[in-house]
Amino acid sequence: MGQKGFYFDQTRCTGCRTCSVACSDLHNYAPDIVLRRVIEFEGGTWKVNTNGTCTQNVFAYYTSIGCNECENPVCVKACPTGAHHKRTEDGLVVIDTEKCIGCGMCAKACPYGSPVLDKAAMKMRKCDGCVARTSKGGMPVCVEACPERALEFGDIEELRKKHGNNAAIAPLPDPAETKPCLTIRPCASAKPSGFKGGTAHRF
């Protein structure tokens, strides 16, 4: 098995958050534990011209994001107990809850904000590519649930051959930082990583 990852078609995403709800429902998580988030990124301005007309460069778009199963997972390096680890068979980054002490170092290290604290259990939780399903040939629940079919999961090299290799979309960080196993088809108004002229709302 090769390194697994995600493809996200931003041109299809309507921001409905069905992916987030399906993930939380499958794992029966509390409302404050969201492992696949939908980020709304918006910005731009309106200008009134001297002739009374208006021009604008307003934009808004959505990005569905879970764990990106990074080639250089900084969460694994930050974990003091070895609870965070990258599986050799498929490259998925998972947490051994027996070893996890809920310290939050992984969350502080991850530039995507993937790990979150389960306050009731005092354990860190994160998207694991639905390893219980995918290790048996199934698909992550977010992929199956998306009504617009904006998500795909599989061998990342195959996904990149099919869809290209681009994960440098604002407000996501520069992919050189962790080498995420993610590729995105950007929408027409998408901005590059590092773009400062917008505001991100994370749901």
C-alpha atoms as a PDB file:
ATOM      1  CA  MET A   1       0.000   0.000   0.000  1.00  0.00           C
ATOM      2  CA  GLY A   2       1.248   3.466  -0.858  1.00  0.00           C
ATOM      3  CA  GLN A   3       0.981   6.742   1.001  1.00  0.00           C
ATOM      4  CA  LYS A   4      -2.671   7.731   1.305  1.00  0.00           C
ATOM      5  CA  GLY A   5      -4.020  11.244   1.050  1.00  0.00           C
ATOM      6  CA  PHE A   6      -6.911  13.480   0.039  1.00  0.00           C
ATOM      7  CA  TYR A   7      -8.025  15.417  -3.018  1.00  0.00           C
ATOM      8  CA  PHE A   8     -10.360  18.361  -2.533  1.00  0.00           C
ATOM      9  CA  ASP A   9     -12.230  20.017  -5.396  1.00  0.00           C
ATOM     10  CA  GLN A  10     -12.803  23.563  -4.200  1.00  0.00           C
ATOM     11  CA  THR A  11     -14.892  24.365  -7.268  1.00  0.00           C
ATOM     12  CA  ARG A  12     -17.554  21.919  -6.056  1.00  0.00           C
ATOM     13  CA  CYS A  13     -17.655  22.767  -2.332  1.00  0.00           C
ATOM     14  CA  THR A  14     -20.700  24.740  -1.197  1.00  0.00           C
ATOM     15  CA  GLY A  15     -19.689  24.938   2.456  1.00  0.00           C
ATOM     16  CA  CYS A  16     -22.569  22.701   3.556  1.00  0.00           C
ATOM     17  CA  ARG A  17     -20.382  20.986   6.196  1.00  0.00           C
ATOM     18  CA  THR A  18     -21.927  17.568   5.623  1.00  0.00           C
ATOM     19  CA  CYS A  19     -18.375  16.170   5.789  1.00  0.00           C
ATOM     20  CA  SER A  20     -17.924  17.616   9.286  1.00  0.00           C
ATOM     21  CA  VAL A  21     -21.274  16.360  10.530  1.00  0.00           C
ATOM     22  CA  ALA A  22     -20.721  12.864   9.127  1.00  0.00           C
ATOM     23  CA  CYS A  23     -17.326  12.631  10.826  1.00  0.00           C
ATOM     24  CA  SER A  24     -18.651  13.768  14.205  1.00  0.00           C
ATOM     25  CA  ASP A  25     -21.667  11.484  13.915  1.00  0.00           C
ATOM     26  CA  LEU A  26     -19.557   8.428  13.070  1.00  0.00           C
ATOM     27  CA  HIS A  27     -17.317   8.944  16.098  1.00  0.00           C
ATOM     28  CA  ASN A  28     -20.085  10.241  18.393  1.00  0.00           C
ATOM     29  CA  TYR A  29     -17.983  13.243  19.370  1.00  0.00           C
ATOM     30  CA  ALA A  30     -19.138  16.181  21.483  1.00  0.00           C
ATOM     31  CA  PRO A  31     -20.055  19.335  19.510  1.00  0.00           C
ATOM     32  CA  ASP A  32     -16.732  21.015  20.367  1.00  0.00           C
ATOM     33  CA  ILE A  33     -14.700  18.204  18.752  1.00  0.00           C
ATOM     34  CA  VAL A  34     -14.608  18.784  14.993  1.00  0.00           C
ATOM     35  CA  LEU A  35     -12.029  16.706  13.149  1.00  0.00           C
ATOM     36  CA  ARG A  36     -12.920  17.713   9.592  1.00  0.00           C
ATOM     37  CA  ARG A  37     -13.474  21.433   9.440  1.00  0.00           C
ATOM     38  CA  VAL A  38     -14.765  23.672   6.697  1.00  0.00           C
ATOM     39  CA  ILE A  39     -12.875  26.956   6.472  1.00  0.00           C
ATOM     40  CA  GLU A  40     -14.577  29.961   4.909  1.00  0.00           C
ATOM     41  CA  PHE A  41     -12.035  32.461   3.552  1.00  0.00           C
ATOM     42  CA  GLU A  42     -13.257  35.857   2.462  1.00  0.00           C
ATOM     43  CA  GLY A  43     -11.978  39.313   1.693  1.00  0.00           C
ATOM     44  CA  GLY A  44     -11.881  42.163  -0.772  1.00  0.00           C
ATOM     45  CA  THR A  45     -13.297  45.676  -0.902  1.00  0.00           C
ATOM     46  CA  TRP A  46     -15.862  47.843  -2.666  1.00  0.00           C
ATOM     47  CA  LYS A  47     -14.938  51.172  -4.231  1.00  0.00           C
ATOM     48  CA  VAL A  48     -17.366  53.897  -5.318  1.00  0.00           C
ATOM     49  CA  ASN A  49     -16.143  55.538  -8.508  1.00  0.00           C
ATOM     50  CA  THR A  50     -16.522  59.219  -9.320  1.00  0.00           C
ATOM     51  CA  ASN A  51     -19.307  58.431 -11.782  1.00  0.00           C
ATOM     52  CA  GLY A  52     -21.335  56.722  -9.070  1.00  0.00           C
ATOM     53  CA  THR A  53     -20.633  53.151 -10.188  1.00  0.00           C
ATOM     54  CA  CYS A  54     -18.904  50.587  -7.978  1.00  0.00           C
ATOM     55  CA  THR A  55     -16.021  48.243  -8.562  1.00  0.00           C
ATOM     56  CA  GLN A  56     -15.056  45.409  -6.270  1.00  0.00           C
ATOM     57  CA  ASN A  57     -12.591  42.571  -5.787  1.00  0.00           C
ATOM     58  CA  VAL A  58     -14.632  40.683  -3.203  1.00  0.00           C
ATOM     59  CA  PHE A  59     -14.056  36.929  -2.893  1.00  0.00           C
ATOM     60  CA  ALA A  60     -15.181  34.041  -0.681  1.00  0.00           C
ATOM     61  CA  TYR A  61     -14.605  30.310  -0.872  1.00  0.00           C
ATOM     62  CA  TYR A  62     -14.578  27.160   1.247  1.00  0.00           C
ATOM     63  CA  THR A  63     -11.910  24.595   2.067  1.00  0.00           C
ATOM     64  CA  SER A  64     -12.717  21.250   3.673  1.00  0.00           C
ATOM     65  CA  ILE A  65      -9.757  20.134   5.748  1.00  0.00           C
ATOM     66  CA  GLY A  66      -8.973  17.188   8.008  1.00  0.00           C
ATOM     67  CA  CYS A  67      -5.591  15.658   8.756  1.00  0.00           C
ATOM     68  CA  ASN A  68      -3.376  15.812   5.693  1.00  0.00           C
ATOM     69  CA  GLU A  69      -1.321  12.713   6.625  1.00  0.00           C
ATOM     70  CA  CYS A  70       1.821  14.805   6.099  1.00  0.00           C
ATOM     71  CA  GLU A  71       5.093  13.343   4.870  1.00  0.00           C
ATOM     72  CA  ASN A  72       6.793  15.455   7.540  1.00  0.00           C
ATOM     73  CA  PRO A  73       4.233  15.280  10.387  1.00  0.00           C
ATOM     74  CA  VAL A  74       5.339  17.826  12.967  1.00  0.00           C
ATOM     75  CA  CYS A  75       2.696  16.482  15.364  1.00  0.00           C
ATOM     76  CA  VAL A  76       4.613  13.195  15.537  1.00  0.00           C
ATOM     77  CA  LYS A  77       7.848  15.007  16.310  1.00  0.00           C
ATOM     78  CA  ALA A  78       6.190  17.127  19.001  1.00  0.00           C
ATOM     79  CA  CYS A  79       4.497  14.258  20.846  1.00  0.00           C
ATOM     80  CA  PRO A  80       6.470  13.511  24.060  1.00  0.00           C
ATOM     81  CA  THR A  81       5.027  10.020  24.577  1.00  0.00           C
ATOM     82  CA  GLY A  82       5.129   8.574  21.068  1.00  0.00           C
ATOM     83  CA  ALA A  83       1.329   8.427  20.945  1.00  0.00           C
ATOM     84  CA  HIS A  84       1.332  10.209  17.604  1.00  0.00           C
ATOM     85  CA  HIS A  85       2.820   8.004  14.900  1.00  0.00           C
ATOM     86  CA  LYS A  86       2.767   7.518  11.141  1.00  0.00           C
ATOM     87  CA  ARG A  87       1.712   4.079   9.974  1.00  0.00           C
ATOM     88  CA  THR A  88       4.190   2.376   7.653  1.00  0.00           C
ATOM     89  CA  GLU A  89       1.540   0.495   5.683  1.00  0.00           C
ATOM     90  CA  ASP A  90      -0.449   3.492   4.435  1.00  0.00           C
ATOM     91  CA  GLY A  91       1.208   6.624   5.843  1.00  0.00           C
ATOM     92  CA  LEU A  92      -1.812   7.612   7.928  1.00  0.00           C
ATOM     93  CA  VAL A  93      -0.988   9.613  11.050  1.00  0.00           C
ATOM     94  CA  VAL A  94      -2.796   8.173  14.071  1.00  0.00           C
ATOM     95  CA  ILE A  95      -2.905   8.541  17.858  1.00  0.00           C
ATOM     96  CA  ASP A  96      -2.427   5.682  20.314  1.00  0.00           C
ATOM     97  CA  THR A  97      -4.911   6.763  22.978  1.00  0.00           C
ATOM     98  CA  GLU A  98      -3.270   4.483  25.539  1.00  0.00           C
ATOM     99  CA  LYS A  99      -0.089   6.561  25.292  1.00  0.00           C
ATOM    100  CA  CYS A 100      -1.736   9.968  24.846  1.00  0.00           C
ATOM    101  CA  ILE A 101      -1.665  12.201  27.933  1.00  0.00           C
ATOM    102  CA  GLY A 102      -3.655  15.067  26.385  1.00  0.00           C
ATOM    103  CA  CYS A 103      -0.805  17.555  26.698  1.00  0.00           C
ATOM    104  CA  GLY A 104      -1.689  19.341  23.451  1.00  0.00           C
ATOM    105  CA  MET A 105       1.850  19.598  22.085  1.00  0.00           C
ATOM    106  CA  CYS A 106       0.681  18.066  18.799  1.00  0.00           C
ATOM    107  CA  ALA A 107      -2.021  20.722  18.442  1.00  0.00           C
ATOM    108  CA  LYS A 108       0.486  23.499  19.024  1.00  0.00           C
ATOM    109  CA  ALA A 109       2.828  22.054  16.398  1.00  0.00           C
ATOM    110  CA  CYS A 110       0.288  21.337  13.638  1.00  0.00           C
ATOM    111  CA  PRO A 111      -0.096  24.337  11.283  1.00  0.00           C
ATOM    112  CA  TYR A 112      -3.440  22.958  10.086  1.00  0.00           C
ATOM    113  CA  GLY A 113      -4.974  22.737  13.560  1.00  0.00           C
ATOM    114  CA  SER A 114      -5.886  19.078  13.129  1.00  0.00           C
ATOM    115  CA  PRO A 115      -5.480  17.649  16.663  1.00  0.00           C
ATOM    116  CA  VAL A 116      -8.061  18.769  19.228  1.00  0.00           C
ATOM    117  CA  LEU A 117      -8.443  18.015  22.913  1.00  0.00           C
ATOM    118  CA  ASP A 118     -11.262  15.769  24.084  1.00  0.00           C
ATOM    119  CA  LYS A 119     -11.779  17.454  27.454  1.00  0.00           C
ATOM    120  CA  ALA A 120     -13.940  14.657  28.839  1.00  0.00           C
ATOM    121  CA  ALA A 121     -11.343  11.970  28.157  1.00  0.00           C
ATOM    122  CA  MET A 122      -8.287  14.265  28.363  1.00  0.00           C
ATOM    123  CA  LYS A 123      -7.021  12.708  25.147  1.00  0.00           C
ATOM    124  CA  MET A 124      -6.113  14.295  21.834  1.00  0.00           C
ATOM    125  CA  ARG A 125      -8.295  13.419  18.859  1.00  0.00           C
ATOM    126  CA  LYS A 126      -7.652  13.940  15.163  1.00  0.00           C
ATOM    127  CA  CYS A 127      -8.746  12.796  11.744  1.00  0.00           C
ATOM    128  CA  ASP A 128      -7.030   9.483  11.019  1.00  0.00           C
ATOM    129  CA  GLY A 129      -8.328   8.971   7.497  1.00  0.00           C
ATOM    130  CA  CYS A 130     -11.003   6.683   8.970  1.00  0.00           C
ATOM    131  CA  VAL A 131      -8.323   4.021   9.313  1.00  0.00           C
ATOM    132  CA  ALA A 132     -10.813   1.477  10.641  1.00  0.00           C
ATOM    133  CA  ARG A 133     -12.701   1.781   7.352  1.00  0.00           C
ATOM    134  CA  THR A 134      -9.904   2.426   4.875  1.00  0.00           C
ATOM    135  CA  SER A 135      -7.702  -0.425   6.130  1.00  0.00           C
ATOM    136  CA  LYS A 136     -10.539  -2.738   5.038  1.00  0.00           C
ATOM    137  CA  GLY A 137     -10.920  -1.166   1.610  1.00  0.00           C
ATOM    138  CA  GLY A 138     -13.591   1.374   2.515  1.00  0.00           C
ATOM    139  CA  MET A 139     -13.642   5.154   2.171  1.00  0.00           C
ATOM    140  CA  PRO A 140     -13.475   7.854   4.856  1.00  0.00           C
ATOM    141  CA  VAL A 141     -16.975   8.868   5.907  1.00  0.00           C
ATOM    142  CA  CYS A 142     -16.387  12.480   4.800  1.00  0.00           C
ATOM    143  CA  VAL A 143     -15.735  11.295   1.239  1.00  0.00           C
ATOM    144  CA  GLU A 144     -18.860   9.126   1.180  1.00  0.00           C
ATOM    145  CA  ALA A 145     -21.027  11.844   2.732  1.00  0.00           C
ATOM    146  CA  CYS A 146     -20.094  14.796   0.505  1.00  0.00           C
ATOM    147  CA  PRO A 147     -23.182  15.548  -1.631  1.00  0.00           C
ATOM    148  CA  GLU A 148     -21.108  17.421  -4.225  1.00  0.00           C
ATOM    149  CA  ARG A 149     -18.404  14.729  -4.469  1.00  0.00           C
ATOM    150  CA  ALA A 150     -15.744  17.320  -3.686  1.00  0.00           C
ATOM    151  CA  LEU A 151     -13.542  14.864  -1.773  1.00  0.00           C
ATOM    152  CA  GLU A 152     -11.518  11.859  -2.873  1.00  0.00           C
ATOM    153  CA  PHE A 153      -9.212   9.561  -0.907  1.00  0.00           C
ATOM    154  CA  GLY A 154      -6.552   7.197  -2.144  1.00  0.00           C
ATOM    155  CA  ASP A 155      -2.911   6.804  -3.081  1.00  0.00           C
ATOM    156  CA  ILE A 156      -1.660  10.386  -3.072  1.00  0.00           C
ATOM    157  CA  GLU A 157       0.602   9.919  -6.091  1.00  0.00           C
ATOM    158  CA  GLU A 158      -2.323   8.574  -8.094  1.00  0.00           C
ATOM    159  CA  LEU A 159      -4.482  11.489  -6.978  1.00  0.00           C
ATOM    160  CA  ARG A 160      -1.752  13.936  -8.005  1.00  0.00           C
ATOM    161  CA  LYS A 161      -1.406  12.293 -11.412  1.00  0.00           C
ATOM    162  CA  LYS A 162      -5.151  12.622 -11.887  1.00  0.00           C
ATOM    163  CA  HIS A 163      -5.705  16.081 -10.411  1.00  0.00           C
ATOM    164  CA  GLY A 164      -2.322  17.850 -10.242  1.00  0.00           C
ATOM    165  CA  ASN A 165      -0.278  18.795  -7.189  1.00  0.00           C
ATOM    166  CA  ASN A 166      -1.381  21.981  -5.482  1.00  0.00           C
ATOM    167  CA  ALA A 167      -1.942  22.459  -1.751  1.00  0.00           C
ATOM    168  CA  ALA A 168      -0.708  26.056  -1.569  1.00  0.00           C
ATOM    169  CA  ILE A 169      -4.122  27.671  -1.112  1.00  0.00           C
ATOM    170  CA  ALA A 170      -4.875  30.409   1.459  1.00  0.00           C
ATOM    171  CA  PRO A 171      -5.542  30.287   4.314  1.00  0.00           C
ATOM    172  CA  LEU A 172      -3.619  26.995   4.455  1.00  0.00           C
ATOM    173  CA  PRO A 173       0.106  27.245   5.285  1.00  0.00           C
ATOM    174  CA  ASP A 174       2.929  26.774   2.808  1.00  0.00           C
ATOM    175  CA  PRO A 175       2.949  23.031   2.016  1.00  0.00           C
ATOM    176  CA  ALA A 176       6.750  23.013   2.155  1.00  0.00           C
ATOM    177  CA  GLU A 177       6.420  23.161   5.954  1.00  0.00           C
ATOM    178  CA  THR A 178       4.982  19.666   6.467  1.00  0.00           C
ATOM    179  CA  LYS A 179       4.576  18.253   2.919  1.00  0.00           C
ATOM    180  CA  PRO A 180       0.861  17.421   3.249  1.00  0.00           C
ATOM    181  CA  CYS A 181      -0.556  14.475   1.323  1.00  0.00           C
ATOM    182  CA  LEU A 182      -3.222  16.743  -0.089  1.00  0.00           C
ATOM    183  CA  THR A 183      -3.974  18.178  -3.481  1.00  0.00           C
ATOM    184  CA  ILE A 184      -6.586  20.811  -4.254  1.00  0.00           C
ATOM    185  CA  ARG A 185      -8.370  21.955  -7.382  1.00  0.00           C
ATOM    186  CA  PRO A 186      -8.656  25.675  -6.589  1.00  0.00           C
ATOM    187  CA  CYS A 187     -11.705  27.728  -7.415  1.00  0.00           C
ATOM    188  CA  ALA A 188     -11.365  30.802  -9.632  1.00  0.00           C
ATOM    189  CA  SER A 189     -11.087  33.204  -6.686  1.00  0.00           C
ATOM    190  CA  ALA A 190      -8.625  31.116  -4.634  1.00  0.00           C
ATOM    191  CA  LYS A 191      -5.620  32.945  -3.202  1.00  0.00           C
ATOM    192  CA  PRO A 192      -2.151  31.476  -2.667  1.00  0.00           C
ATOM    193  CA  SER A 193      -0.760  30.442   0.711  1.00  0.00           C
ATOM    194  CA  GLY A 194       0.606  33.472   2.532  1.00  0.00           C
ATOM    195  CA  PHE A 195      -2.071  35.812   1.177  1.00  0.00           C
ATOM    196  CA  LYS A 196      -2.882  38.324   3.934  1.00  0.00           C
ATOM    197  CA  GLY A 197      -5.910  40.094   2.479  1.00  0.00           C
ATOM    198  CA  GLY A 198      -8.604  37.810   3.802  1.00  0.00           C
ATOM    199  CA  THR A 199     -10.283  36.524   6.957  1.00  0.00           C
ATOM    200  CA  ALA A 200     -10.680  32.839   7.805  1.00  0.00           C
ATOM    201  CA  HIS A 201     -13.730  31.523   9.635  1.00  0.00           C
ATOM    202  CA  ARG A 202     -13.258  27.958  10.854  1.00  0.00           C
ATOM    203  CA  PHE A 203     -16.309  25.808  11.515  1.00  0.00           C
END
